[in-house]
Amino acid sequence: MALKGINAYKKGNLKQDVASADPHKITLMLMQGALDRMAYGKGCIERRDFEGKSDHLSRVSAILMNLRDTLDLDIGSEVSQNLFNLYDYMIQRVTDANIQNDLNIMDEVINLLLPIKTAWASIPEDAKQQAYEAQRQKRTAVV
């Protein structure tokens, strides 16, 4: 019973965090969510809770698809294209892990995503502001 209250509280805080977050923070939250779900999925495999594993890994795939599909490929950046390909690969590997119940594949995906999250978290504040301003100007020019 108390767990339901805690989960409701967490969901309320998450909604509040998302509502007040900038795009950079939302991306960090998504990456952390994927890593958390991977850890939960690993625990489910170890407990032989295959329904729970499927639920968590489906959510990981959805997060990775969102991260992949929100990349700005129009700028022609090699970094964007490489990230797109890497996210695509991770989605496939999560599917493989889900089918094969393979903890090693899950560790592979975690080890691919963690450095991206770490690098994203280390972006200096002034660089984030420059990127937001450039994106805002791009949107204004299109309209």
N, C-alpha and C. Protein backbone atom coordinates (compact mmCIF):
# COMPACT_ATOMS: atom_id res chain seq x y z
N MET A 1 0.83 -1.19 0.00
CA MET A 1 0.00 0.00 0.00
C MET A 1 0.87 1.25 0.00
N ALA A 2 1.89 1.30 0.84
CA ALA A 2 2.77 2.47 0.90
C ALA A 2 3.53 2.65 -0.39
N LEU A 3 3.84 1.54 -1.07
CA LEU A 3 4.57 1.62 -2.33
C LEU A 3 3.77 2.37 -3.39
N LYS A 4 2.46 2.18 -3.40
CA LYS A 4 1.62 2.91 -4.36
C LYS A 4 1.71 4.41 -4.12
N GLY A 5 1.72 4.82 -2.87
CA GLY A 5 1.83 6.23 -2.54
C GLY A 5 3.18 6.80 -2.97
N ILE A 6 4.23 6.02 -2.75
CA ILE A 6 5.57 6.46 -3.15
C ILE A 6 5.65 6.59 -4.66
N ASN A 7 5.11 5.61 -5.38
CA ASN A 7 5.13 5.67 -6.84
C ASN A 7 4.32 6.83 -7.38
N ALA A 8 3.19 7.12 -6.75
CA ALA A 8 2.38 8.27 -7.17
C ALA A 8 3.14 9.56 -6.94
N TYR A 9 3.84 9.64 -5.81
CA TYR A 9 4.65 10.81 -5.49
C TYR A 9 5.76 10.99 -6.52
N LYS A 10 6.43 9.88 -6.87
CA LYS A 10 7.50 9.93 -7.87
C LYS A 10 6.97 10.42 -9.22
N LYS A 11 5.80 9.89 -9.63
CA LYS A 11 5.21 10.30 -10.90
C LYS A 11 4.87 11.78 -10.89
N GLY A 12 4.35 12.26 -9.77
CA GLY A 12 4.04 13.69 -9.66
C GLY A 12 5.28 14.54 -9.77
N ASN A 13 6.36 14.12 -9.10
CA ASN A 13 7.63 14.85 -9.20
C ASN A 13 8.20 14.80 -10.60
N LEU A 14 8.09 13.66 -11.27
CA LEU A 14 8.60 13.52 -12.63
C LEU A 14 7.86 14.48 -13.57
N LYS A 15 6.54 14.53 -13.43
CA LYS A 15 5.76 15.45 -14.28
C LYS A 15 6.17 16.89 -14.03
N GLN A 16 6.40 17.22 -12.79
CA GLN A 16 6.82 18.58 -12.45
C GLN A 16 8.21 18.87 -13.01
N ASP A 17 9.12 17.90 -12.89
CA ASP A 17 10.48 18.06 -13.43
C ASP A 17 10.46 18.26 -14.95
N VAL A 18 9.65 17.47 -15.64
CA VAL A 18 9.56 17.57 -17.10
C VAL A 18 8.97 18.92 -17.50
N ALA A 19 7.94 19.35 -16.78
CA ALA A 19 7.29 20.61 -17.12
C ALA A 19 8.23 21.80 -16.99
N SER A 20 9.18 21.72 -16.07
CA SER A 20 10.07 22.86 -15.85
C SER A 20 11.45 22.67 -16.48
N ALA A 21 11.65 21.58 -17.21
CA ALA A 21 12.98 21.27 -17.74
C ALA A 21 13.20 21.87 -19.12
N ASP A 22 14.45 22.20 -19.40
CA ASP A 22 14.82 22.62 -20.74
C ASP A 22 15.12 21.37 -21.57
N PRO A 23 15.26 21.50 -22.90
CA PRO A 23 15.50 20.33 -23.74
C PRO A 23 16.73 19.52 -23.33
N HIS A 24 17.76 20.19 -22.87
CA HIS A 24 18.97 19.50 -22.44
C HIS A 24 18.66 18.58 -21.25
N LYS A 25 17.95 19.10 -20.29
CA LYS A 25 17.60 18.32 -19.09
C LYS A 25 16.66 17.17 -19.44
N ILE A 26 15.73 17.41 -20.35
CA ILE A 26 14.81 16.34 -20.76
C ILE A 26 15.59 15.20 -21.41
N THR A 27 16.57 15.54 -22.24
CA THR A 27 17.39 14.51 -22.87
C THR A 27 18.15 13.71 -21.81
N LEU A 28 18.70 14.41 -20.82
CA LEU A 28 19.38 13.72 -19.72
C LEU A 28 18.42 12.81 -18.96
N MET A 29 17.21 13.28 -18.73
CA MET A 29 16.22 12.48 -18.02
C MET A 29 15.86 11.22 -18.83
N LEU A 30 15.74 11.38 -20.14
CA LEU A 30 15.44 10.23 -20.99
C LEU A 30 16.57 9.20 -20.94
N MET A 31 17.80 9.69 -21.05
CA MET A 31 18.94 8.77 -21.00
C MET A 31 19.00 8.05 -19.65
N GLN A 32 18.80 8.79 -18.57
CA GLN A 32 18.80 8.16 -17.25
C GLN A 32 17.65 7.16 -17.12
N GLY A 33 16.51 7.53 -17.67
CA GLY A 33 15.37 6.60 -17.65
C GLY A 33 15.67 5.31 -18.39
N ALA A 34 16.35 5.42 -19.53
CA ALA A 34 16.72 4.21 -20.29
C ALA A 34 17.69 3.36 -19.48
N LEU A 35 18.67 4.01 -18.86
CA LEU A 35 19.64 3.26 -18.04
C LEU A 35 18.96 2.60 -16.84
N ASP A 36 18.04 3.31 -16.20
CA ASP A 36 17.29 2.74 -15.07
C ASP A 36 16.47 1.54 -15.52
N ARG A 37 15.79 1.68 -16.64
CA ARG A 37 14.95 0.59 -17.14
C ARG A 37 15.80 -0.62 -17.54
N MET A 38 17.00 -0.37 -18.05
CA MET A 38 17.91 -1.48 -18.37
C MET A 38 18.27 -2.23 -17.08
N ALA A 39 18.55 -1.48 -16.02
CA ALA A 39 18.89 -2.12 -14.74
C ALA A 39 17.70 -2.92 -14.21
N TYR A 40 16.50 -2.34 -14.30
CA TYR A 40 15.31 -3.06 -13.86
C TYR A 40 15.11 -4.32 -14.70
N GLY A 41 15.32 -4.19 -16.01
CA GLY A 41 15.18 -5.34 -16.92
C GLY A 41 16.15 -6.45 -16.58
N LYS A 42 17.38 -6.06 -16.25
CA LYS A 42 18.37 -7.07 -15.84
C LYS A 42 17.90 -7.80 -14.58
N GLY A 43 17.39 -7.05 -13.63
CA GLY A 43 16.88 -7.68 -12.41
C GLY A 43 15.73 -8.63 -12.71
N CYS A 44 14.88 -8.25 -13.64
CA CYS A 44 13.75 -9.11 -14.02
C CYS A 44 14.25 -10.42 -14.63
N ILE A 45 15.27 -10.32 -15.48
CA ILE A 45 15.82 -11.55 -16.07
C ILE A 45 16.38 -12.45 -14.97
N GLU A 46 17.10 -11.86 -14.05
CA GLU A 46 17.68 -12.65 -12.96
C GLU A 46 16.61 -13.31 -12.11
N ARG A 47 15.45 -12.66 -11.97
CA ARG A 47 14.34 -13.22 -11.18
C ARG A 47 13.41 -14.08 -12.03
N ARG A 48 13.70 -14.14 -13.32
CA ARG A 48 12.88 -14.88 -14.29
C ARG A 48 11.48 -14.27 -14.41
N ASP A 49 11.40 -12.95 -14.25
CA ASP A 49 10.16 -12.19 -14.43
C ASP A 49 10.18 -11.67 -15.86
N PHE A 50 9.78 -12.51 -16.80
CA PHE A 50 9.92 -12.18 -18.21
C PHE A 50 8.90 -11.14 -18.68
N GLU A 51 7.76 -11.09 -18.01
CA GLU A 51 6.78 -10.05 -18.34
C GLU A 51 7.33 -8.68 -17.95
N GLY A 52 7.89 -8.58 -16.75
CA GLY A 52 8.49 -7.33 -16.31
C GLY A 52 9.65 -6.92 -17.20
N LYS A 53 10.49 -7.90 -17.56
CA LYS A 53 11.63 -7.64 -18.45
C LYS A 53 11.16 -7.05 -19.77
N SER A 54 10.12 -7.65 -20.35
CA SER A 54 9.60 -7.16 -21.63
C SER A 54 9.07 -5.74 -21.51
N ASP A 55 8.40 -5.46 -20.40
CA ASP A 55 7.86 -4.11 -20.19
C ASP A 55 9.00 -3.09 -20.10
N HIS A 56 10.01 -3.39 -19.30
CA HIS A 56 11.12 -2.45 -19.13
C HIS A 56 11.90 -2.27 -20.42
N LEU A 57 12.18 -3.36 -21.13
CA LEU A 57 12.97 -3.24 -22.35
C LEU A 57 12.17 -2.58 -23.48
N SER A 58 10.87 -2.74 -23.48
CA SER A 58 10.04 -2.02 -24.45
C SER A 58 10.13 -0.51 -24.21
N ARG A 59 10.15 -0.13 -22.96
CA ARG A 59 10.28 1.29 -22.62
C ARG A 59 11.67 1.82 -23.00
N VAL A 60 12.70 0.99 -22.81
CA VAL A 60 14.05 1.39 -23.23
C VAL A 60 14.06 1.63 -24.73
N SER A 61 13.47 0.72 -25.49
CA SER A 61 13.42 0.88 -26.95
C SER A 61 12.69 2.16 -27.33
N ALA A 62 11.58 2.44 -26.66
CA ALA A 62 10.82 3.66 -26.96
C ALA A 62 11.65 4.91 -26.67
N ILE A 63 12.39 4.90 -25.58
CA ILE A 63 13.24 6.05 -25.23
C ILE A 63 14.33 6.22 -26.28
N LEU A 64 14.98 5.11 -26.65
CA LEU A 64 16.05 5.19 -27.65
C LEU A 64 15.52 5.66 -29.00
N MET A 65 14.31 5.22 -29.35
CA MET A 65 13.70 5.69 -30.60
C MET A 65 13.44 7.18 -30.55
N ASN A 66 12.97 7.66 -29.39
CA ASN A 66 12.74 9.09 -29.23
C ASN A 66 14.04 9.86 -29.36
N LEU A 67 15.09 9.39 -28.69
CA LEU A 67 16.39 10.07 -28.78
C LEU A 67 16.89 10.07 -30.23
N ARG A 68 16.74 8.95 -30.90
CA ARG A 68 17.18 8.84 -32.30
C ARG A 68 16.37 9.76 -33.20
N ASP A 69 15.07 9.75 -33.03
CA ASP A 69 14.19 10.49 -33.95
C ASP A 69 14.18 11.99 -33.71
N THR A 70 14.73 12.44 -32.60
CA THR A 70 14.77 13.89 -32.35
C THR A 70 16.11 14.51 -32.75
N LEU A 71 17.01 13.70 -33.28
CA LEU A 71 18.27 14.26 -33.77
C LEU A 71 18.01 15.14 -34.98
N ASP A 72 18.74 16.23 -35.08
CA ASP A 72 18.59 17.15 -36.22
C ASP A 72 19.55 16.72 -37.32
N LEU A 73 19.06 15.87 -38.22
CA LEU A 73 19.90 15.36 -39.30
C LEU A 73 19.99 16.36 -40.47
N ASP A 74 19.15 17.39 -40.45
CA ASP A 74 19.15 18.38 -41.52
C ASP A 74 20.41 19.22 -41.55
N ILE A 75 21.11 19.30 -40.44
CA ILE A 75 22.32 20.11 -40.40
C ILE A 75 23.50 19.43 -41.08
N GLY A 76 23.32 18.14 -41.43
CA GLY A 76 24.36 17.43 -42.14
C GLY A 76 25.57 17.11 -41.29
N SER A 77 25.40 17.05 -40.01
CA SER A 77 26.50 16.79 -39.10
C SER A 77 26.83 15.30 -39.06
N GLU A 78 28.12 15.02 -39.10
CA GLU A 78 28.57 13.63 -38.99
C GLU A 78 28.24 13.09 -37.60
N VAL A 79 28.32 13.95 -36.59
CA VAL A 79 28.01 13.54 -35.22
C VAL A 79 26.55 13.10 -35.13
N SER A 80 25.64 13.88 -35.70
CA SER A 80 24.22 13.52 -35.67
C SER A 80 23.97 12.19 -36.36
N GLN A 81 24.58 12.00 -37.52
CA GLN A 81 24.40 10.75 -38.25
C GLN A 81 24.98 9.57 -37.48
N ASN A 82 26.14 9.76 -36.87
CA ASN A 82 26.74 8.68 -36.07
C ASN A 82 25.87 8.33 -34.87
N LEU A 83 25.33 9.35 -34.20
CA LEU A 83 24.44 9.10 -33.07
C LEU A 83 23.18 8.37 -33.53
N PHE A 84 22.64 8.79 -34.67
CA PHE A 84 21.46 8.12 -35.22
C PHE A 84 21.76 6.63 -35.41
N ASN A 85 22.89 6.33 -36.05
CA ASN A 85 23.26 4.94 -36.29
C ASN A 85 23.49 4.18 -34.98
N LEU A 86 24.10 4.83 -34.00
CA LEU A 86 24.36 4.19 -32.72
C LEU A 86 23.05 3.91 -31.97
N TYR A 87 22.14 4.88 -31.95
CA TYR A 87 20.84 4.65 -31.32
C TYR A 87 20.10 3.50 -32.03
N ASP A 88 20.17 3.49 -33.34
CA ASP A 88 19.54 2.43 -34.12
C ASP A 88 20.11 1.06 -33.73
N TYR A 89 21.42 1.00 -33.61
CA TYR A 89 22.10 -0.24 -33.20
C TYR A 89 21.66 -0.65 -31.79
N MET A 90 21.58 0.32 -30.88
CA MET A 90 21.17 0.00 -29.52
C MET A 90 19.74 -0.52 -29.47
N ILE A 91 18.87 0.05 -30.29
CA ILE A 91 17.48 -0.43 -30.35
C ILE A 91 17.46 -1.90 -30.78
N GLN A 92 18.25 -2.22 -31.79
CA GLN A 92 18.31 -3.61 -32.26
C GLN A 92 18.87 -4.53 -31.16
N ARG A 93 19.89 -4.07 -30.46
CA ARG A 93 20.49 -4.90 -29.41
C ARG A 93 19.54 -5.08 -28.23
N VAL A 94 18.75 -4.06 -27.91
CA VAL A 94 17.75 -4.21 -26.84
C VAL A 94 16.72 -5.26 -27.26
N THR A 95 16.33 -5.23 -28.52
CA THR A 95 15.41 -6.25 -29.03
C THR A 95 16.03 -7.64 -28.91
N ASP A 96 17.30 -7.74 -29.30
CA ASP A 96 18.01 -9.03 -29.17
C ASP A 96 18.05 -9.49 -27.72
N ALA A 97 18.36 -8.58 -26.81
CA ALA A 97 18.42 -8.92 -25.38
C ALA A 97 17.06 -9.38 -24.88
N ASN A 98 16.02 -8.73 -25.35
CA ASN A 98 14.66 -9.09 -24.94
C ASN A 98 14.31 -10.50 -25.41
N ILE A 99 14.65 -10.81 -26.63
CA ILE A 99 14.34 -12.12 -27.19
C ILE A 99 15.19 -13.22 -26.55
N GLN A 100 16.47 -12.92 -26.35
CA GLN A 100 17.42 -13.94 -25.89
C GLN A 100 17.60 -13.97 -24.37
N ASN A 101 16.99 -13.01 -23.65
CA ASN A 101 17.19 -12.90 -22.20
C ASN A 101 18.68 -12.87 -21.86
N ASP A 102 19.40 -12.02 -22.58
CA ASP A 102 20.86 -12.01 -22.50
C ASP A 102 21.35 -10.78 -21.74
N LEU A 103 21.90 -11.02 -20.56
CA LEU A 103 22.43 -9.93 -19.73
C LEU A 103 23.66 -9.27 -20.36
N ASN A 104 24.45 -10.03 -21.10
CA ASN A 104 25.64 -9.47 -21.75
C ASN A 104 25.27 -8.43 -22.80
N ILE A 105 24.21 -8.70 -23.54
CA ILE A 105 23.76 -7.72 -24.54
C ILE A 105 23.27 -6.46 -23.84
N MET A 106 22.58 -6.64 -22.73
CA MET A 106 22.10 -5.49 -21.98
C MET A 106 23.26 -4.66 -21.46
N ASP A 107 24.31 -5.34 -20.97
CA ASP A 107 25.51 -4.62 -20.52
C ASP A 107 26.15 -3.86 -21.68
N GLU A 108 26.13 -4.46 -22.87
CA GLU A 108 26.68 -3.79 -24.05
C GLU A 108 25.95 -2.47 -24.30
N VAL A 109 24.63 -2.51 -24.25
CA VAL A 109 23.84 -1.30 -24.50
C VAL A 109 24.10 -0.26 -23.41
N ILE A 110 24.16 -0.70 -22.17
CA ILE A 110 24.46 0.23 -21.07
C ILE A 110 25.82 0.88 -21.29
N ASN A 111 26.80 0.08 -21.70
CA ASN A 111 28.15 0.60 -21.92
C ASN A 111 28.24 1.51 -23.15
N LEU A 112 27.28 1.42 -24.05
CA LEU A 112 27.23 2.35 -25.19
C LEU A 112 26.52 3.65 -24.80
N LEU A 113 25.47 3.55 -24.00
CA LEU A 113 24.67 4.72 -23.65
C LEU A 113 25.31 5.57 -22.56
N LEU A 114 25.97 4.94 -21.62
CA LEU A 114 26.52 5.67 -20.49
C LEU A 114 27.51 6.77 -20.89
N PRO A 115 28.45 6.53 -21.80
CA PRO A 115 29.36 7.62 -22.19
C PRO A 115 28.64 8.77 -22.91
N ILE A 116 27.58 8.45 -23.64
CA ILE A 116 26.81 9.51 -24.30
C ILE A 116 26.14 10.38 -23.25
N LYS A 117 25.54 9.75 -22.26
CA LYS A 117 24.90 10.49 -21.17
C LYS A 117 25.92 11.33 -20.40
N THR A 118 27.06 10.75 -20.12
CA THR A 118 28.11 11.46 -19.39
C THR A 118 28.59 12.68 -20.18
N ALA A 119 28.80 12.50 -21.47
CA ALA A 119 29.22 13.63 -22.31
C ALA A 119 28.13 14.70 -22.38
N TRP A 120 26.88 14.27 -22.50
CA TRP A 120 25.76 15.21 -22.57
C TRP A 120 25.68 16.03 -21.28
N ALA A 121 25.90 15.36 -20.16
CA ALA A 121 25.82 16.03 -18.86
C ALA A 121 26.96 17.03 -18.67
N SER A 122 28.06 16.84 -19.37
CA SER A 122 29.22 17.71 -19.18
C SER A 122 29.24 18.91 -20.13
N ILE A 123 28.20 19.09 -20.93
CA ILE A 123 28.15 20.25 -21.83
C ILE A 123 28.08 21.52 -20.99
N PRO A 124 28.98 22.47 -21.23
CA PRO A 124 28.97 23.71 -20.45
C PRO A 124 27.69 24.51 -20.68
N GLU A 125 27.30 25.25 -19.66
CA GLU A 125 26.06 26.03 -19.71
C GLU A 125 26.05 27.02 -20.87
N ASP A 126 27.18 27.69 -21.13
CA ASP A 126 27.20 28.68 -22.22
C ASP A 126 27.03 28.01 -23.58
N ALA A 127 27.54 26.80 -23.76
CA ALA A 127 27.35 26.08 -25.02
C ALA A 127 25.88 25.69 -25.20
N LYS A 128 25.22 25.30 -24.11
CA LYS A 128 23.79 24.98 -24.19
C LYS A 128 22.99 26.21 -24.60
N GLN A 129 23.32 27.35 -23.99
CA GLN A 129 22.60 28.58 -24.30
C GLN A 129 22.79 28.99 -25.77
N GLN A 130 24.01 28.84 -26.27
CA GLN A 130 24.28 29.14 -27.69
C GLN A 130 23.46 28.23 -28.60
N ALA A 131 23.39 26.95 -28.25
CA ALA A 131 22.63 26.01 -29.06
C ALA A 131 21.14 26.33 -29.04
N TYR A 132 20.60 26.68 -27.87
CA TYR A 132 19.18 27.04 -27.77
C TYR A 132 18.89 28.28 -28.60
N GLU A 133 19.79 29.25 -28.54
CA GLU A 133 19.59 30.49 -29.30
C GLU A 133 19.64 30.21 -30.81
N ALA A 134 20.57 29.40 -31.23
CA ALA A 134 20.67 29.05 -32.66
C ALA A 134 19.42 28.30 -33.11
N GLN A 135 18.92 27.40 -32.28
CA GLN A 135 17.71 26.65 -32.61
C GLN A 135 16.50 27.58 -32.66
N ARG A 136 16.42 28.52 -31.74
CA ARG A 136 15.31 29.46 -31.73
C ARG A 136 15.34 30.32 -32.99
N GLN A 137 16.51 30.79 -33.37
CA GLN A 137 16.64 31.60 -34.58
C GLN A 137 16.29 30.80 -35.82
N LYS A 138 16.66 29.53 -35.83
CA LYS A 138 16.34 28.66 -36.97
C LYS A 138 14.82 28.51 -37.11
N ARG A 139 14.14 28.30 -35.96
CA ARG A 139 12.69 28.17 -35.99
C ARG A 139 12.02 29.46 -36.43
N THR A 140 12.54 30.60 -35.96
CA THR A 140 11.98 31.89 -36.31
C THR A 140 12.15 32.16 -37.81
N ALA A 141 13.29 31.79 -38.37
CA ALA A 141 13.55 32.01 -39.79
C ALA A 141 12.64 31.16 -40.67
N VAL A 142 12.25 29.97 -40.20
CA VAL A 142 11.41 29.07 -40.97
C VAL A 142 9.98 29.58 -40.99
N VAL A 143 9.54 30.18 -39.88
CA VAL A 143 8.15 30.66 -39.76
C VAL A 143 8.00 31.91 -40.50
